[in-house]
Amino acid sequence: MQPPAVPAVPPDHPGLQALLRRMGEAVGIMDDTVFENDKFLGFFQSFRPDGRGLDGIFDELDGGEELRRRLEHLFEIAGDDRRPQGGRDAFFLVRSPRPIDPAVVESKAVEWTDRISTLAEKLGQPEAAERLRAITKHRALEGIPPKHPRQDHEKTELLKTFQNVVEHLVTRISTPEPFAESLRAPYYFISCDAGVRDHLMWPLYRDHLAASVVGGEGGDVEEPFQPYFDLWSHGVKFRVYQENQVDWYMPRL
């Protein structure tokens, strides 16, 4: 997938401007360059390894305290960003993942796709929901995952569903303020993983889901991205090469 576009900052939105100024002050940007579109792509990396300095930045947002707790957990999981051979990680990586049972991997994988299919159905994506429900097997493997094909004609329809629909589902949830849209790019570049981004940002979307549900009913869902984040925290990555099967690669420890 291509990196997400960075939305322009609405010049007449004082609340968003105030948030970006708080973010800028936290990393030493004290002028109007805080409003440049790509200024905060590496924002969260600035607080490695322990996240100190983030306190208070999101306090004025609805769900700000939960955003802080989720970020705190992220920093705990990822730990030090120093590479063993020298240098530092450009993104958040889980360098010392805790072991996980293959049966737990498969269980959480099923839980994730079940919840995502429910969310897709509620947000008016029945074809995607049906394709996700058609998955018959989640397979836990060990080792380095191969790369997904890059050419569209080489991809399965299931992989296209994950990349073209699932990765953008939450953008179908209407939010009254542009905070979420403006923060999506910095959150994505935490690990270049849409599932991690959407788990960390879920508090900004959750309370607005009911207003976005097609048909206007049934806005309550279990957080769809928690099982995925749990797997990511153990260093597990998924790959899709068949229409009804997802392979999950656990690191060799």
C-alpha atoms as a PDB file:
ATOM      1  CA  MET A   1       0.000   0.000   0.000  1.00  0.00           C
ATOM      2  CA  GLN A   2       1.081   3.571  -0.673  1.00  0.00           C
ATOM      3  CA  PRO A   3       1.581   5.783   2.403  1.00  0.00           C
ATOM      4  CA  PRO A   4      -1.596   7.699   3.247  1.00  0.00           C
ATOM      5  CA  ALA A   5      -2.003  11.237   2.061  1.00  0.00           C
ATOM      6  CA  VAL A   6      -1.515  13.877   4.715  1.00  0.00           C
ATOM      7  CA  PRO A   7      -4.634  16.078   4.894  1.00  0.00           C
ATOM      8  CA  ALA A   8      -4.340  19.818   4.928  1.00  0.00           C
ATOM      9  CA  VAL A   9      -5.048  21.555   8.218  1.00  0.00           C
ATOM     10  CA  PRO A  10      -8.271  23.590   8.148  1.00  0.00           C
ATOM     11  CA  PRO A  11      -6.980  27.142   8.663  1.00  0.00           C
ATOM     12  CA  ASP A  12     -10.159  28.254  10.418  1.00  0.00           C
ATOM     13  CA  HIS A  13     -10.401  25.456  12.983  1.00  0.00           C
ATOM     14  CA  PRO A  14      -9.080  26.824  16.307  1.00  0.00           C
ATOM     15  CA  GLY A  15      -9.377  23.527  18.180  1.00  0.00           C
ATOM     16  CA  LEU A  16      -7.253  21.658  15.679  1.00  0.00           C
ATOM     17  CA  GLN A  17      -4.781  24.510  15.488  1.00  0.00           C
ATOM     18  CA  ALA A  18      -4.443  24.416  19.278  1.00  0.00           C
ATOM     19  CA  LEU A  19      -3.808  20.653  19.195  1.00  0.00           C
ATOM     20  CA  LEU A  20      -1.123  20.995  16.517  1.00  0.00           C
ATOM     21  CA  ARG A  21       0.541  23.771  18.478  1.00  0.00           C
ATOM     22  CA  ARG A  22       0.656  21.527  21.573  1.00  0.00           C
ATOM     23  CA  MET A  23       2.176  18.778  19.435  1.00  0.00           C
ATOM     24  CA  GLY A  24       4.688  21.243  17.998  1.00  0.00           C
ATOM     25  CA  GLU A  25       5.736  22.541  21.400  1.00  0.00           C
ATOM     26  CA  ALA A  26       6.329  18.964  22.531  1.00  0.00           C
ATOM     27  CA  VAL A  27       8.935  18.482  19.798  1.00  0.00           C
ATOM     28  CA  GLY A  28      10.318  22.019  19.780  1.00  0.00           C
ATOM     29  CA  ILE A  29       8.408  23.526  16.856  1.00  0.00           C
ATOM     30  CA  MET A  30       7.347  26.973  18.015  1.00  0.00           C
ATOM     31  CA  ASP A  31       6.267  28.652  14.763  1.00  0.00           C
ATOM     32  CA  ASP A  32       3.576  28.269  12.119  1.00  0.00           C
ATOM     33  CA  THR A  33       5.397  25.419  10.384  1.00  0.00           C
ATOM     34  CA  VAL A  34       3.290  23.195  12.666  1.00  0.00           C
ATOM     35  CA  PHE A  35       0.570  23.594  10.041  1.00  0.00           C
ATOM     36  CA  GLU A  36       2.648  22.073   7.235  1.00  0.00           C
ATOM     37  CA  ASN A  37       1.074  18.835   6.052  1.00  0.00           C
ATOM     38  CA  ASP A  38       3.978  16.470   6.698  1.00  0.00           C
ATOM     39  CA  LYS A  39       5.358  18.033   9.875  1.00  0.00           C
ATOM     40  CA  PHE A  40       4.216  15.305  12.283  1.00  0.00           C
ATOM     41  CA  LEU A  41       4.802  12.085  10.318  1.00  0.00           C
ATOM     42  CA  GLY A  42       7.475  10.980  12.801  1.00  0.00           C
ATOM     43  CA  PHE A  43       5.859  12.637  15.795  1.00  0.00           C
ATOM     44  CA  PHE A  44       5.497   9.600  18.070  1.00  0.00           C
ATOM     45  CA  GLN A  45       9.032   8.394  17.332  1.00  0.00           C
ATOM     46  CA  SER A  46      10.263  11.594  18.951  1.00  0.00           C
ATOM     47  CA  PHE A  47       9.242  10.193  22.348  1.00  0.00           C
ATOM     48  CA  ARG A  48      11.034   6.847  22.177  1.00  0.00           C
ATOM     49  CA  PRO A  49      11.778   4.826  24.204  1.00  0.00           C
ATOM     50  CA  ASP A  50       9.346   5.558  27.062  1.00  0.00           C
ATOM     51  CA  GLY A  51       6.770   8.041  25.731  1.00  0.00           C
ATOM     52  CA  ARG A  52       7.645  10.766  28.222  1.00  0.00           C
ATOM     53  CA  GLY A  53       6.561  14.157  26.993  1.00  0.00           C
ATOM     54  CA  LEU A  54       3.225  13.024  25.570  1.00  0.00           C
ATOM     55  CA  ASP A  55       1.313  13.691  28.777  1.00  0.00           C
ATOM     56  CA  GLY A  56      -1.376  16.288  28.326  1.00  0.00           C
ATOM     57  CA  ILE A  57      -1.180  16.637  24.552  1.00  0.00           C
ATOM     58  CA  PHE A  58      -4.513  14.926  23.889  1.00  0.00           C
ATOM     59  CA  ASP A  59      -6.244  15.879  27.136  1.00  0.00           C
ATOM     60  CA  GLU A  60      -8.718  18.225  25.452  1.00  0.00           C
ATOM     61  CA  LEU A  61      -9.906  15.600  22.953  1.00  0.00           C
ATOM     62  CA  ASP A  62     -12.867  13.347  23.632  1.00  0.00           C
ATOM     63  CA  GLY A  63     -11.267  10.070  24.637  1.00  0.00           C
ATOM     64  CA  GLY A  64      -7.934  11.764  25.241  1.00  0.00           C
ATOM     65  CA  GLU A  65      -7.168   9.799  28.411  1.00  0.00           C
ATOM     66  CA  GLU A  66      -7.764   6.515  26.626  1.00  0.00           C
ATOM     67  CA  LEU A  67      -5.589   7.628  23.725  1.00  0.00           C
ATOM     68  CA  ARG A  68      -2.820   8.268  26.237  1.00  0.00           C
ATOM     69  CA  ARG A  69      -3.228   4.831  27.864  1.00  0.00           C
ATOM     70  CA  ARG A  70      -3.088   3.081  24.517  1.00  0.00           C
ATOM     71  CA  LEU A  71       0.046   4.949  23.547  1.00  0.00           C
ATOM     72  CA  GLU A  72       1.579   4.142  26.908  1.00  0.00           C
ATOM     73  CA  HIS A  73       0.943   0.458  26.232  1.00  0.00           C
ATOM     74  CA  LEU A  74       2.498   0.814  22.773  1.00  0.00           C
ATOM     75  CA  PHE A  75       5.714   2.233  24.222  1.00  0.00           C
ATOM     76  CA  GLU A  76       5.850  -0.558  26.799  1.00  0.00           C
ATOM     77  CA  ILE A  77       5.468  -3.239  24.128  1.00  0.00           C
ATOM     78  CA  ALA A  78       7.953  -1.781  21.649  1.00  0.00           C
ATOM     79  CA  GLY A  79      10.566  -0.887  24.248  1.00  0.00           C
ATOM     80  CA  ASP A  80      13.925   0.569  23.261  1.00  0.00           C
ATOM     81  CA  ASP A  81      14.307   1.739  19.683  1.00  0.00           C
ATOM     82  CA  ARG A  82      18.070   1.133  19.581  1.00  0.00           C
ATOM     83  CA  ARG A  83      19.118  -1.592  17.158  1.00  0.00           C
ATOM     84  CA  PRO A  84      21.530  -4.275  18.402  1.00  0.00           C
ATOM     85  CA  GLN A  85      23.950  -3.465  15.561  1.00  0.00           C
ATOM     86  CA  GLY A  86      23.687   0.279  16.092  1.00  0.00           C
ATOM     87  CA  GLY A  87      21.319   2.998  14.983  1.00  0.00           C
ATOM     88  CA  ARG A  88      17.649   3.373  15.799  1.00  0.00           C
ATOM     89  CA  ASP A  89      14.417   2.016  14.392  1.00  0.00           C
ATOM     90  CA  ALA A  90      12.551   4.338  12.071  1.00  0.00           C
ATOM     91  CA  PHE A  91       9.250   2.758  13.173  1.00  0.00           C
ATOM     92  CA  PHE A  92       7.898   0.987  16.228  1.00  0.00           C
ATOM     93  CA  LEU A  93       8.962  -2.667  16.113  1.00  0.00           C
ATOM     94  CA  VAL A  94       8.432  -5.365  18.714  1.00  0.00           C
ATOM     95  CA  ARG A  95      12.024  -6.535  19.041  1.00  0.00           C
ATOM     96  CA  SER A  96      11.530  -8.859  22.003  1.00  0.00           C
ATOM     97  CA  PRO A  97       8.051 -10.346  21.566  1.00  0.00           C
ATOM     98  CA  ARG A  98       6.674 -12.660  24.212  1.00  0.00           C
ATOM     99  CA  PRO A  99       5.906 -16.218  23.071  1.00  0.00           C
ATOM    100  CA  ILE A 100       2.344 -16.969  22.027  1.00  0.00           C
ATOM    101  CA  ASP A 101       0.595 -20.309  21.579  1.00  0.00           C
ATOM    102  CA  PRO A 102      -0.414 -21.095  17.969  1.00  0.00           C
ATOM    103  CA  ALA A 103      -3.930 -21.898  19.191  1.00  0.00           C
ATOM    104  CA  VAL A 104      -4.175 -18.404  20.670  1.00  0.00           C
ATOM    105  CA  VAL A 105      -2.980 -16.919  17.376  1.00  0.00           C
ATOM    106  CA  GLU A 106      -5.732 -18.728  15.492  1.00  0.00           C
ATOM    107  CA  SER A 107      -8.357 -17.797  18.080  1.00  0.00           C
ATOM    108  CA  LYS A 108      -7.474 -14.094  18.024  1.00  0.00           C
ATOM    109  CA  ALA A 109      -7.321 -14.130  14.230  1.00  0.00           C
ATOM    110  CA  VAL A 110     -10.868 -15.479  14.064  1.00  0.00           C
ATOM    111  CA  GLU A 111     -11.979 -12.921  16.627  1.00  0.00           C
ATOM    112  CA  TRP A 112     -10.455 -10.086  14.617  1.00  0.00           C
ATOM    113  CA  THR A 113     -11.980 -11.035  11.267  1.00  0.00           C
ATOM    114  CA  ASP A 114     -15.366 -11.700  12.908  1.00  0.00           C
ATOM    115  CA  ARG A 115     -15.388  -8.249  14.468  1.00  0.00           C
ATOM    116  CA  ILE A 116     -14.157  -6.594  11.275  1.00  0.00           C
ATOM    117  CA  SER A 117     -16.859  -8.305   9.230  1.00  0.00           C
ATOM    118  CA  THR A 118     -19.469  -6.990  11.680  1.00  0.00           C
ATOM    119  CA  LEU A 119     -18.059  -3.470  11.400  1.00  0.00           C
ATOM    120  CA  ALA A 120     -17.992  -3.705   7.596  1.00  0.00           C
ATOM    121  CA  GLU A 121     -21.637  -4.774   7.544  1.00  0.00           C
ATOM    122  CA  LYS A 122     -22.666  -1.886   9.786  1.00  0.00           C
ATOM    123  CA  LEU A 123     -20.778   0.625   7.675  1.00  0.00           C
ATOM    124  CA  GLY A 124     -22.389  -0.387   4.413  1.00  0.00           C
ATOM    125  CA  GLN A 125     -19.767  -2.787   3.053  1.00  0.00           C
ATOM    126  CA  PRO A 126     -21.724  -6.055   2.760  1.00  0.00           C
ATOM    127  CA  GLU A 127     -19.513  -7.532   0.031  1.00  0.00           C
ATOM    128  CA  ALA A 128     -16.419  -7.109   2.197  1.00  0.00           C
ATOM    129  CA  ALA A 129     -18.263  -8.529   5.203  1.00  0.00           C
ATOM    130  CA  GLU A 130     -19.311 -11.584   3.209  1.00  0.00           C
ATOM    131  CA  ARG A 131     -15.775 -12.177   1.938  1.00  0.00           C
ATOM    132  CA  LEU A 132     -14.380 -11.996   5.464  1.00  0.00           C
ATOM    133  CA  ARG A 133     -17.007 -14.397   6.765  1.00  0.00           C
ATOM    134  CA  ALA A 134     -16.053 -16.827   3.988  1.00  0.00           C
ATOM    135  CA  ILE A 135     -12.596 -17.363   5.542  1.00  0.00           C
ATOM    136  CA  THR A 136     -12.481 -21.039   6.504  1.00  0.00           C
ATOM    137  CA  LYS A 137      -8.996 -21.271   7.976  1.00  0.00           C
ATOM    138  CA  HIS A 138      -6.519 -19.192   9.938  1.00  0.00           C
ATOM    139  CA  ARG A 139      -3.171 -20.961   9.899  1.00  0.00           C
ATOM    140  CA  ALA A 140      -0.450 -20.280  12.497  1.00  0.00           C
ATOM    141  CA  LEU A 141       3.058 -20.663  11.049  1.00  0.00           C
ATOM    142  CA  GLU A 142       6.548 -19.814  12.244  1.00  0.00           C
ATOM    143  CA  GLY A 143       9.232 -17.796  10.520  1.00  0.00           C
ATOM    144  CA  ILE A 144       9.712 -14.740   8.367  1.00  0.00           C
ATOM    145  CA  PRO A 145       6.587 -13.964   6.317  1.00  0.00           C
ATOM    146  CA  PRO A 146       7.007 -13.697   2.541  1.00  0.00           C
ATOM    147  CA  LYS A 147       5.962 -10.485   0.855  1.00  0.00           C
ATOM    148  CA  HIS A 148       2.528  -9.957  -0.567  1.00  0.00           C
ATOM    149  CA  PRO A 149       2.384  -9.590  -4.350  1.00  0.00           C
ATOM    150  CA  ARG A 150       2.599  -6.005  -5.523  1.00  0.00           C
ATOM    151  CA  GLN A 151       0.738  -6.326  -8.805  1.00  0.00           C
ATOM    152  CA  ASP A 152      -3.012  -6.056  -8.447  1.00  0.00           C
ATOM    153  CA  HIS A 153      -3.709  -8.938 -10.837  1.00  0.00           C
ATOM    154  CA  GLU A 154      -1.600 -11.260  -8.661  1.00  0.00           C
ATOM    155  CA  LYS A 155      -3.579 -10.536  -5.486  1.00  0.00           C
ATOM    156  CA  THR A 156      -6.492 -12.583  -4.226  1.00  0.00           C
ATOM    157  CA  GLU A 157      -9.831 -10.862  -3.788  1.00  0.00           C
ATOM    158  CA  LEU A 158      -9.511 -11.462  -0.057  1.00  0.00           C
ATOM    159  CA  LEU A 159      -6.185  -9.622   0.072  1.00  0.00           C
ATOM    160  CA  LYS A 160      -7.712  -6.747  -1.896  1.00  0.00           C
ATOM    161  CA  THR A 161     -10.531  -6.629   0.645  1.00  0.00           C
ATOM    162  CA  PHE A 162      -8.061  -6.239   3.492  1.00  0.00           C
ATOM    163  CA  GLN A 163      -6.005  -3.603   1.667  1.00  0.00           C
ATOM    164  CA  ASN A 164      -8.751  -1.623  -0.056  1.00  0.00           C
ATOM    165  CA  VAL A 165     -11.636  -1.875   2.419  1.00  0.00           C
ATOM    166  CA  VAL A 166     -10.532  -2.998   5.878  1.00  0.00           C
ATOM    167  CA  GLU A 167      -7.631  -0.529   6.049  1.00  0.00           C
ATOM    168  CA  HIS A 168     -10.040   2.349   5.417  1.00  0.00           C
ATOM    169  CA  LEU A 169     -13.167   1.203   7.265  1.00  0.00           C
ATOM    170  CA  VAL A 170     -12.981   3.679  10.126  1.00  0.00           C
ATOM    171  CA  THR A 171     -12.931   6.598   7.697  1.00  0.00           C
ATOM    172  CA  ARG A 172     -16.586   5.758   7.023  1.00  0.00           C
ATOM    173  CA  ILE A 173     -17.359   6.700  10.626  1.00  0.00           C
ATOM    174  CA  SER A 174     -18.437  10.325  10.736  1.00  0.00           C
ATOM    175  CA  THR A 175     -16.664  12.423  13.358  1.00  0.00           C
ATOM    176  CA  PRO A 176     -17.781  15.968  14.198  1.00  0.00           C
ATOM    177  CA  GLU A 177     -14.253  17.368  14.314  1.00  0.00           C
ATOM    178  CA  PRO A 178     -11.239  16.909  11.988  1.00  0.00           C
ATOM    179  CA  PHE A 179      -8.879  15.712  14.725  1.00  0.00           C
ATOM    180  CA  ALA A 180      -9.007  12.066  13.680  1.00  0.00           C
ATOM    181  CA  GLU A 181      -8.391  12.822  10.009  1.00  0.00           C
ATOM    182  CA  SER A 182      -5.391  15.012  10.806  1.00  0.00           C
ATOM    183  CA  LEU A 183      -3.886  12.449  13.185  1.00  0.00           C
ATOM    184  CA  ARG A 184      -4.259   9.419  10.910  1.00  0.00           C
ATOM    185  CA  ALA A 185      -0.969   9.944   9.070  1.00  0.00           C
ATOM    186  CA  PRO A 186       1.185  10.358  12.213  1.00  0.00           C
ATOM    187  CA  TYR A 187      -0.532   7.339  13.765  1.00  0.00           C
ATOM    188  CA  TYR A 188      -0.034   5.283  10.592  1.00  0.00           C
ATOM    189  CA  PHE A 189       3.693   6.017  10.554  1.00  0.00           C
ATOM    190  CA  ILE A 190       4.058   4.601  14.053  1.00  0.00           C
ATOM    191  CA  SER A 191       4.506   1.189  12.409  1.00  0.00           C
ATOM    192  CA  CYS A 192       3.122   1.582   8.856  1.00  0.00           C
ATOM    193  CA  ASP A 193       0.384  -0.804   9.915  1.00  0.00           C
ATOM    194  CA  ALA A 194      -3.256   0.186   9.530  1.00  0.00           C
ATOM    195  CA  GLY A 195      -4.464  -2.269  12.184  1.00  0.00           C
ATOM    196  CA  VAL A 196      -2.111  -0.819  14.801  1.00  0.00           C
ATOM    197  CA  ARG A 197      -3.145   2.708  13.826  1.00  0.00           C
ATOM    198  CA  ASP A 198      -6.850   1.949  14.057  1.00  0.00           C
ATOM    199  CA  HIS A 199      -6.530   0.270  17.450  1.00  0.00           C
ATOM    200  CA  LEU A 200      -4.619   3.217  18.880  1.00  0.00           C
ATOM    201  CA  MET A 201      -7.113   5.714  17.404  1.00  0.00           C
ATOM    202  CA  TRP A 202     -10.327   3.796  18.138  1.00  0.00           C
ATOM    203  CA  PRO A 203     -11.392   6.126  21.007  1.00  0.00           C
ATOM    204  CA  LEU A 204     -11.736   8.931  18.439  1.00  0.00           C
ATOM    205  CA  TYR A 205     -14.214   6.906  16.380  1.00  0.00           C
ATOM    206  CA  ARG A 206     -16.057   4.648  18.805  1.00  0.00           C
ATOM    207  CA  ASP A 207     -18.630   7.072  20.148  1.00  0.00           C
ATOM    208  CA  HIS A 208     -19.551   8.246  16.635  1.00  0.00           C
ATOM    209  CA  LEU A 209     -20.200   4.797  15.207  1.00  0.00           C
ATOM    210  CA  ALA A 210     -23.938   4.772  15.894  1.00  0.00           C
ATOM    211  CA  ALA A 211     -24.456   7.862  13.743  1.00  0.00           C
ATOM    212  CA  SER A 212     -22.669   6.182  10.820  1.00  0.00           C
ATOM    213  CA  VAL A 213     -24.352   2.784  10.848  1.00  0.00           C
ATOM    214  CA  VAL A 214     -26.310   2.066   7.695  1.00  0.00           C
ATOM    215  CA  GLY A 215     -29.962   1.826   8.732  1.00  0.00           C
ATOM    216  CA  GLY A 216     -29.331   3.810  11.900  1.00  0.00           C
ATOM    217  CA  GLU A 217     -29.386   0.939  14.387  1.00  0.00           C
ATOM    218  CA  GLY A 218     -26.881  -1.203  16.238  1.00  0.00           C
ATOM    219  CA  GLY A 219     -23.944   1.130  16.771  1.00  0.00           C
ATOM    220  CA  ASP A 220     -22.470  -0.881  19.633  1.00  0.00           C
ATOM    221  CA  VAL A 221     -19.619  -3.205  18.655  1.00  0.00           C
ATOM    222  CA  GLU A 222     -16.684  -4.701  20.493  1.00  0.00           C
ATOM    223  CA  GLU A 223     -13.505  -2.871  19.580  1.00  0.00           C
ATOM    224  CA  PRO A 224     -12.592  -4.520  16.251  1.00  0.00           C
ATOM    225  CA  PHE A 225      -8.851  -3.946  16.318  1.00  0.00           C
ATOM    226  CA  GLN A 226      -7.868  -5.168  19.793  1.00  0.00           C
ATOM    227  CA  PRO A 227      -7.272  -8.815  18.712  1.00  0.00           C
ATOM    228  CA  TYR A 228      -5.096  -7.636  15.839  1.00  0.00           C
ATOM    229  CA  PHE A 229      -3.052  -5.380  18.117  1.00  0.00           C
ATOM    230  CA  ASP A 230      -2.610  -8.291  20.537  1.00  0.00           C
ATOM    231  CA  LEU A 231      -1.124 -10.378  17.731  1.00  0.00           C
ATOM    232  CA  TRP A 232       1.091  -7.514  16.559  1.00  0.00           C
ATOM    233  CA  SER A 233       2.403  -7.118  20.111  1.00  0.00           C
ATOM    234  CA  HIS A 234       3.693 -10.707  19.868  1.00  0.00           C
ATOM    235  CA  GLY A 235       5.402 -10.013  16.556  1.00  0.00           C
ATOM    236  CA  VAL A 236       2.767 -11.907  14.532  1.00  0.00           C
ATOM    237  CA  LYS A 237       2.071 -10.833  10.931  1.00  0.00           C
ATOM    238  CA  PHE A 238      -0.562 -12.028   8.484  1.00  0.00           C
ATOM    239  CA  ARG A 239      -0.359 -12.928   4.803  1.00  0.00           C
ATOM    240  CA  VAL A 240      -3.095 -13.808   2.307  1.00  0.00           C
ATOM    241  CA  TYR A 241      -2.447 -16.038  -0.710  1.00  0.00           C
ATOM    242  CA  GLN A 242      -5.747 -17.925  -0.907  1.00  0.00           C
ATOM    243  CA  GLU A 243      -9.332 -16.751  -1.053  1.00  0.00           C
ATOM    244  CA  ASN A 244     -10.475 -18.493   2.123  1.00  0.00           C
ATOM    245  CA  GLN A 245      -7.328 -18.742   4.224  1.00  0.00           C
ATOM    246  CA  VAL A 246      -5.137 -16.342   6.194  1.00  0.00           C
ATOM    247  CA  ASP A 247      -1.610 -17.304   7.250  1.00  0.00           C
ATOM    248  CA  TRP A 248      -0.217 -15.841  10.466  1.00  0.00           C
ATOM    249  CA  TYR A 249       3.561 -15.880  10.922  1.00  0.00           C
ATOM    250  CA  MET A 250       4.926 -16.072  14.442  1.00  0.00           C
ATOM    251  CA  PRO A 251       8.574 -15.053  14.995  1.00  0.00           C
ATOM    252  CA  ARG A 252      11.101 -17.730  15.811  1.00  0.00           C
ATOM    253  CA  LEU A 253      12.215 -17.064  19.379  1.00  0.00           C
END
